[in-house]
C-alpha atoms as a PDB file:
ATOM      1  CA  MET A   1       0.000   0.000   0.000  1.00  0.00           C
ATOM      2  CA  HIS A   2       2.762   2.463   0.944  1.00  0.00           C
ATOM      3  CA  LEU A   3       4.557   1.755  -2.329  1.00  0.00           C
ATOM      4  CA  ARG A   4       1.422   2.595  -4.377  1.00  0.00           C
ATOM      5  CA  VAL A   5       0.901   5.881  -2.535  1.00  0.00           C
ATOM      6  CA  LEU A   6       4.574   6.772  -2.919  1.00  0.00           C
ATOM      7  CA  THR A   7       4.472   5.932  -6.639  1.00  0.00           C
ATOM      8  CA  PHE A   8       1.337   8.047  -7.143  1.00  0.00           C
ATOM      9  CA  VAL A   9       2.815  10.989  -5.223  1.00  0.00           C
ATOM     10  CA  SER A  10       6.070  10.701  -7.172  1.00  0.00           C
ATOM     11  CA  ALA A  11       4.199  10.639 -10.480  1.00  0.00           C
ATOM     12  CA  MET A  12       2.167  13.715  -9.507  1.00  0.00           C
ATOM     13  CA  PHE A  13       5.328  15.561  -8.450  1.00  0.00           C
ATOM     14  CA  ILE A  14       7.078  14.737 -11.730  1.00  0.00           C
ATOM     15  CA  ALA A  15       4.031  15.843 -13.735  1.00  0.00           C
ATOM     16  CA  TYR A  16       3.968  19.106 -11.789  1.00  0.00           C
ATOM     17  CA  VAL A  17       7.683  19.772 -12.290  1.00  0.00           C
ATOM     18  CA  LEU A  18       7.570  18.948 -15.994  1.00  0.00           C
ATOM     19  CA  SER A  19       4.489  21.004 -16.816  1.00  0.00           C
ATOM     20  CA  ASP A  20       5.246  24.241 -18.665  1.00  0.00           C
ATOM     21  CA  VAL A  21       2.003  26.004 -17.810  1.00  0.00           C
ATOM     22  CA  ALA A  22      -0.008  25.611 -14.649  1.00  0.00           C
ATOM     23  CA  ILE A  23      -3.459  27.144 -14.435  1.00  0.00           C
ATOM     24  CA  ALA A  24      -3.614  29.265 -11.323  1.00  0.00           C
ATOM     25  CA  GLU A  25      -7.332  29.824 -11.449  1.00  0.00           C
ATOM     26  CA  GLU A  26     -10.186  28.920 -13.776  1.00  0.00           C
ATOM     27  CA  ILE A  27     -13.932  29.542 -13.835  1.00  0.00           C
ATOM     28  CA  VAL A  28     -16.649  28.783 -16.340  1.00  0.00           C
ATOM     29  CA  SER A  29     -18.879  31.605 -17.534  1.00  0.00           C
ATOM     30  CA  ARG A  30     -21.807  31.675 -19.935  1.00  0.00           C
ATOM     31  CA  TYR A  31     -19.462  32.901 -22.666  1.00  0.00           C
ATOM     32  CA  GLY A  32     -16.532  30.561 -22.107  1.00  0.00           C
ATOM     33  CA  LYS A  33     -13.794  29.461 -19.737  1.00  0.00           C
ATOM     34  CA  ILE A  34     -11.924  32.277 -18.003  1.00  0.00           C
ATOM     35  CA  SER A  35      -8.486  31.416 -16.675  1.00  0.00           C
ATOM     36  CA  ALA A  36      -5.468  33.001 -15.043  1.00  0.00           C
ATOM     37  CA  VAL A  37      -2.193  31.381 -16.083  1.00  0.00           C
ATOM     38  CA  GLU A  38       1.259  32.412 -14.894  1.00  0.00           C
ATOM     39  CA  LEU A  39       3.418  33.315 -17.865  1.00  0.00           C
ATOM     40  CA  PRO A  40       6.271  30.787 -18.090  1.00  0.00           C
ATOM     41  CA  ASN A  41       8.799  33.311 -19.383  1.00  0.00           C
ATOM     42  CA  LYS A  42       7.856  36.172 -17.024  1.00  0.00           C
ATOM     43  CA  SER A  43       7.650  35.321 -13.338  1.00  0.00           C
ATOM     44  CA  GLY A  44       5.108  37.421 -11.474  1.00  0.00           C
ATOM     45  CA  SER A  45       2.880  37.981 -14.517  1.00  0.00           C
ATOM     46  CA  TYR A  46      -0.392  36.261 -15.334  1.00  0.00           C
ATOM     47  CA  SER A  47      -2.357  36.020 -18.533  1.00  0.00           C
ATOM     48  CA  ILE A  48      -6.104  36.370 -18.080  1.00  0.00           C
ATOM     49  CA  GLY A  49      -7.675  34.358 -20.869  1.00  0.00           C
ATOM     50  CA  LEU A  50     -11.037  33.583 -22.403  1.00  0.00           C
ATOM     51  CA  ASP A  51     -11.086  30.037 -23.801  1.00  0.00           C
ATOM     52  CA  ASP A  52      -7.272  29.915 -23.708  1.00  0.00           C
ATOM     53  CA  LYS A  53      -6.908  33.174 -25.678  1.00  0.00           C
ATOM     54  CA  SER A  54      -5.194  35.931 -23.678  1.00  0.00           C
ATOM     55  CA  ILE A  55      -7.330  39.039 -23.179  1.00  0.00           C
ATOM     56  CA  THR A  56      -4.979  40.877 -20.780  1.00  0.00           C
ATOM     57  CA  THR A  57      -1.992  40.373 -18.515  1.00  0.00           C
ATOM     58  CA  VAL A  58      -1.533  41.424 -14.894  1.00  0.00           C
ATOM     59  CA  ASP A  59       1.517  41.634 -12.673  1.00  0.00           C
ATOM     60  CA  ALA A  60       0.991  39.744  -9.411  1.00  0.00           C
ATOM     61  CA  LEU A  61       2.419  37.026  -7.191  1.00  0.00           C
ATOM     62  CA  ALA A  62      -0.899  35.165  -7.431  1.00  0.00           C
ATOM     63  CA  VAL A  63      -4.344  35.711  -8.946  1.00  0.00           C
ATOM     64  CA  SER A  64      -7.862  34.683  -7.918  1.00  0.00           C
ATOM     65  CA  LEU A  65     -10.981  34.969 -10.069  1.00  0.00           C
ATOM     66  CA  TYR A  66     -14.514  35.553  -8.780  1.00  0.00           C
ATOM     67  CA  ARG A  67     -17.594  35.370 -10.998  1.00  0.00           C
ATOM     68  CA  VAL A  68     -20.259  37.960 -10.205  1.00  0.00           C
ATOM     69  CA  THR A  69     -23.723  36.415 -10.464  1.00  0.00           C
ATOM     70  CA  PRO A  70     -25.502  38.184 -13.332  1.00  0.00           C
ATOM     71  CA  SER A  71     -28.707  40.089 -12.663  1.00  0.00           C
ATOM     72  CA  LYS A  72     -31.883  38.976 -14.435  1.00  0.00           C
ATOM     73  CA  ASN A  73     -31.657  39.347 -18.230  1.00  0.00           C
ATOM     74  CA  GLU A  74     -28.092  40.685 -18.023  1.00  0.00           C
ATOM     75  CA  LYS A  75     -26.156  40.038 -21.230  1.00  0.00           C
ATOM     76  CA  VAL A  76     -22.620  40.276 -19.790  1.00  0.00           C
ATOM     77  CA  GLU A  77     -20.369  38.344 -17.426  1.00  0.00           C
ATOM     78  CA  ASN A  78     -18.480  40.267 -14.750  1.00  0.00           C
ATOM     79  CA  ILE A  79     -15.353  38.745 -13.240  1.00  0.00           C
ATOM     80  CA  ILE A  80     -13.393  40.185 -10.327  1.00  0.00           C
ATOM     81  CA  VAL A  81      -9.651  39.590 -10.607  1.00  0.00           C
ATOM     82  CA  GLU A  82      -7.900  39.681  -7.237  1.00  0.00           C
ATOM     83  CA  LYS A  83      -4.172  40.311  -7.541  1.00  0.00           C
ATOM     84  CA  VAL A  84      -1.777  39.441  -4.718  1.00  0.00           C
ATOM     85  CA  LEU A  85       1.047  41.969  -4.720  1.00  0.00           C
ATOM     86  CA  PRO A  86       4.484  41.805  -3.116  1.00  0.00           C
ATOM     87  CA  GLY A  87       4.943  43.843   0.037  1.00  0.00           C
ATOM     88  CA  LEU A  88       5.011  43.699   3.793  1.00  0.00           C
ATOM     89  CA  ASN A  89       1.578  45.065   4.678  1.00  0.00           C
ATOM     90  CA  CYS A  90      -0.313  45.757   1.488  1.00  0.00           C
ATOM     91  CA  HIS A  91      -1.115  42.696  -0.604  1.00  0.00           C
ATOM     92  CA  ASN A  92      -4.359  42.961  -2.574  1.00  0.00           C
ATOM     93  CA  GLU A  93      -5.554  44.930  -5.572  1.00  0.00           C
ATOM     94  CA  TYR A  94      -8.538  44.301  -7.830  1.00  0.00           C
ATOM     95  CA  LEU A  95      -9.611  44.586 -11.443  1.00  0.00           C
ATOM     96  CA  LEU A  96     -13.024  43.983 -12.970  1.00  0.00           C
ATOM     97  CA  VAL A  97     -13.447  42.320 -16.368  1.00  0.00           C
ATOM     98  CA  THR A  98     -16.731  42.455 -18.287  1.00  0.00           C
ATOM     99  CA  ILE A  99     -17.268  39.978 -21.121  1.00  0.00           C
ATOM    100  CA  SER A 100     -20.186  40.503 -23.501  1.00  0.00           C
ATOM    101  CA  GLN A 101     -22.108  37.959 -25.585  1.00  0.00           C
ATOM    102  CA  ASP A 102     -19.925  38.757 -28.599  1.00  0.00           C
ATOM    103  CA  ARG A 103     -16.924  37.827 -26.391  1.00  0.00           C
ATOM    104  CA  LYS A 104     -15.500  41.354 -26.287  1.00  0.00           C
ATOM    105  CA  SER A 105     -13.965  42.359 -22.979  1.00  0.00           C
ATOM    106  CA  ILE A 106     -13.749  45.628 -21.057  1.00  0.00           C
ATOM    107  CA  PHE A 107     -11.419  46.132 -18.084  1.00  0.00           C
ATOM    108  CA  SER A 108     -11.683  48.485 -15.156  1.00  0.00           C
ATOM    109  CA  PRO A 109      -8.619  50.257 -13.872  1.00  0.00           C
ATOM    110  CA  SER A 110      -7.044  48.613 -10.830  1.00  0.00           C
ATOM    111  CA  PHE A 111      -8.699  49.566  -7.553  1.00  0.00           C
ATOM    112  CA  GLY A 112      -8.858  48.690  -3.864  1.00  0.00           C
ATOM    113  CA  LYS A 113      -5.146  48.530  -3.131  1.00  0.00           C
ATOM    114  CA  CYS A 114      -4.500  47.292   0.425  1.00  0.00           C
ATOM    115  CA  MET A 115      -8.161  46.291   0.856  1.00  0.00           C
ATOM    116  CA  GLU A 116      -9.940  42.926   1.121  1.00  0.00           C
ATOM    117  CA  LEU A 117     -13.057  41.871  -0.758  1.00  0.00           C
ATOM    118  CA  ASP A 118     -16.079  42.221   1.495  1.00  0.00           C
ATOM    119  CA  GLY A 119     -19.026  41.706  -0.847  1.00  0.00           C
ATOM    120  CA  VAL A 120     -20.501  42.241  -4.293  1.00  0.00           C
ATOM    121  CA  GLU A 121     -23.996  43.218  -5.381  1.00  0.00           C
ATOM    122  CA  ASN A 122     -25.266  43.222  -8.953  1.00  0.00           C
ATOM    123  CA  LEU A 123     -28.482  45.129  -9.635  1.00  0.00           C
ATOM    124  CA  ASN A 124     -29.676  46.425 -13.013  1.00  0.00           C
ATOM    125  CA  GLU A 125     -26.267  45.990 -14.660  1.00  0.00           C
ATOM    126  CA  ARG A 126     -24.527  47.989 -11.892  1.00  0.00           C
ATOM    127  CA  VAL A 127     -21.944  45.994  -9.973  1.00  0.00           C
ATOM    128  CA  THR A 128     -21.223  47.373  -6.497  1.00  0.00           C
ATOM    129  CA  ILE A 129     -18.040  46.059  -4.907  1.00  0.00           C
ATOM    130  CA  ARG A 130     -17.438  46.521  -1.178  1.00  0.00           C
ATOM    131  CA  LEU A 131     -13.932  46.308   0.222  1.00  0.00           C
ATOM    132  CA  HIS A 132     -12.689  46.678   3.778  1.00  0.00           C
ATOM    133  CA  SER A 133      -9.329  47.779   5.081  1.00  0.00           C
ATOM    134  CA  THR A 134      -7.002  45.333   6.722  1.00  0.00           C
ATOM    135  CA  GLU A 135      -6.255  47.783   9.535  1.00  0.00           C
ATOM    136  CA  ILE A 136      -8.541  49.075  12.268  1.00  0.00           C
ATOM    137  CA  ASN A 137      -8.683  52.892  12.377  1.00  0.00           C
ATOM    138  CA  THR A 138      -8.527  55.118  15.458  1.00  0.00           C
ATOM    139  CA  ASN A 139     -12.296  54.708  16.004  1.00  0.00           C
ATOM    140  CA  ASN A 140     -11.751  50.945  16.326  1.00  0.00           C
ATOM    141  CA  LYS A 141     -13.526  50.285  13.003  1.00  0.00           C
ATOM    142  CA  LEU A 142     -12.562  48.918   9.617  1.00  0.00           C
ATOM    143  CA  ARG A 143     -12.662  51.349   6.716  1.00  0.00           C
ATOM    144  CA  ILE A 144     -15.194  50.306   4.065  1.00  0.00           C
ATOM    145  CA  ASP A 145     -14.835  51.476   0.444  1.00  0.00           C
ATOM    146  CA  SER A 146     -17.429  50.885  -2.261  1.00  0.00           C
ATOM    147  CA  TYR A 147     -16.987  51.015  -6.010  1.00  0.00           C
ATOM    148  CA  VAL A 148     -19.652  50.943  -8.723  1.00  0.00           C
ATOM    149  CA  TRP A 149     -18.931  49.463 -12.158  1.00  0.00           C
ATOM    150  CA  ALA A 150     -21.542  50.456 -14.763  1.00  0.00           C
ATOM    151  CA  ASN A 151     -21.374  51.205 -18.496  1.00  0.00           C
ATOM    152  CA  GLY A 152     -17.635  50.512 -18.573  1.00  0.00           C
ATOM    153  CA  LYS A 153     -16.818  53.071 -15.871  1.00  0.00           C
ATOM    154  CA  LEU A 154     -15.617  52.526 -12.307  1.00  0.00           C
ATOM    155  CA  ASN A 155     -16.565  55.076  -9.639  1.00  0.00           C
ATOM    156  CA  LYS A 156     -15.714  55.141  -5.957  1.00  0.00           C
ATOM    157  CA  ILE A 157     -18.775  55.999  -3.873  1.00  0.00           C
END
């Protein structure tokens, strides 16, 4: 039994070491598979792809993808890209990607540096993203920031 487990673990390790591209994150949307893949020739950079075709690249130590549940009759997919950045105290930054039925994509500017994802609401094609600070302020409370993504524009509210 121990030999089988050891053989399986060894085989998995070899497959991992020999693989050129490892998918960091992948989700399925109505318009295709969205993935984040670390670029093999550029450490610390990820390609965000739609059905294995790169639509943008981001610089980060790691990337997570979150699908925003579409509102009723919405014709787009919204994906939050969480980027983990190098640093001692400040690690997160976000980007929103909107993919339409014709598979065209729109990207928000980066936002929410040093914040953590707190919640997302999607009403009438307006995505509201709530983030909270990682530090407690002098009033013993977390700072909450909200951003609205609508019609290809990101606004802090």
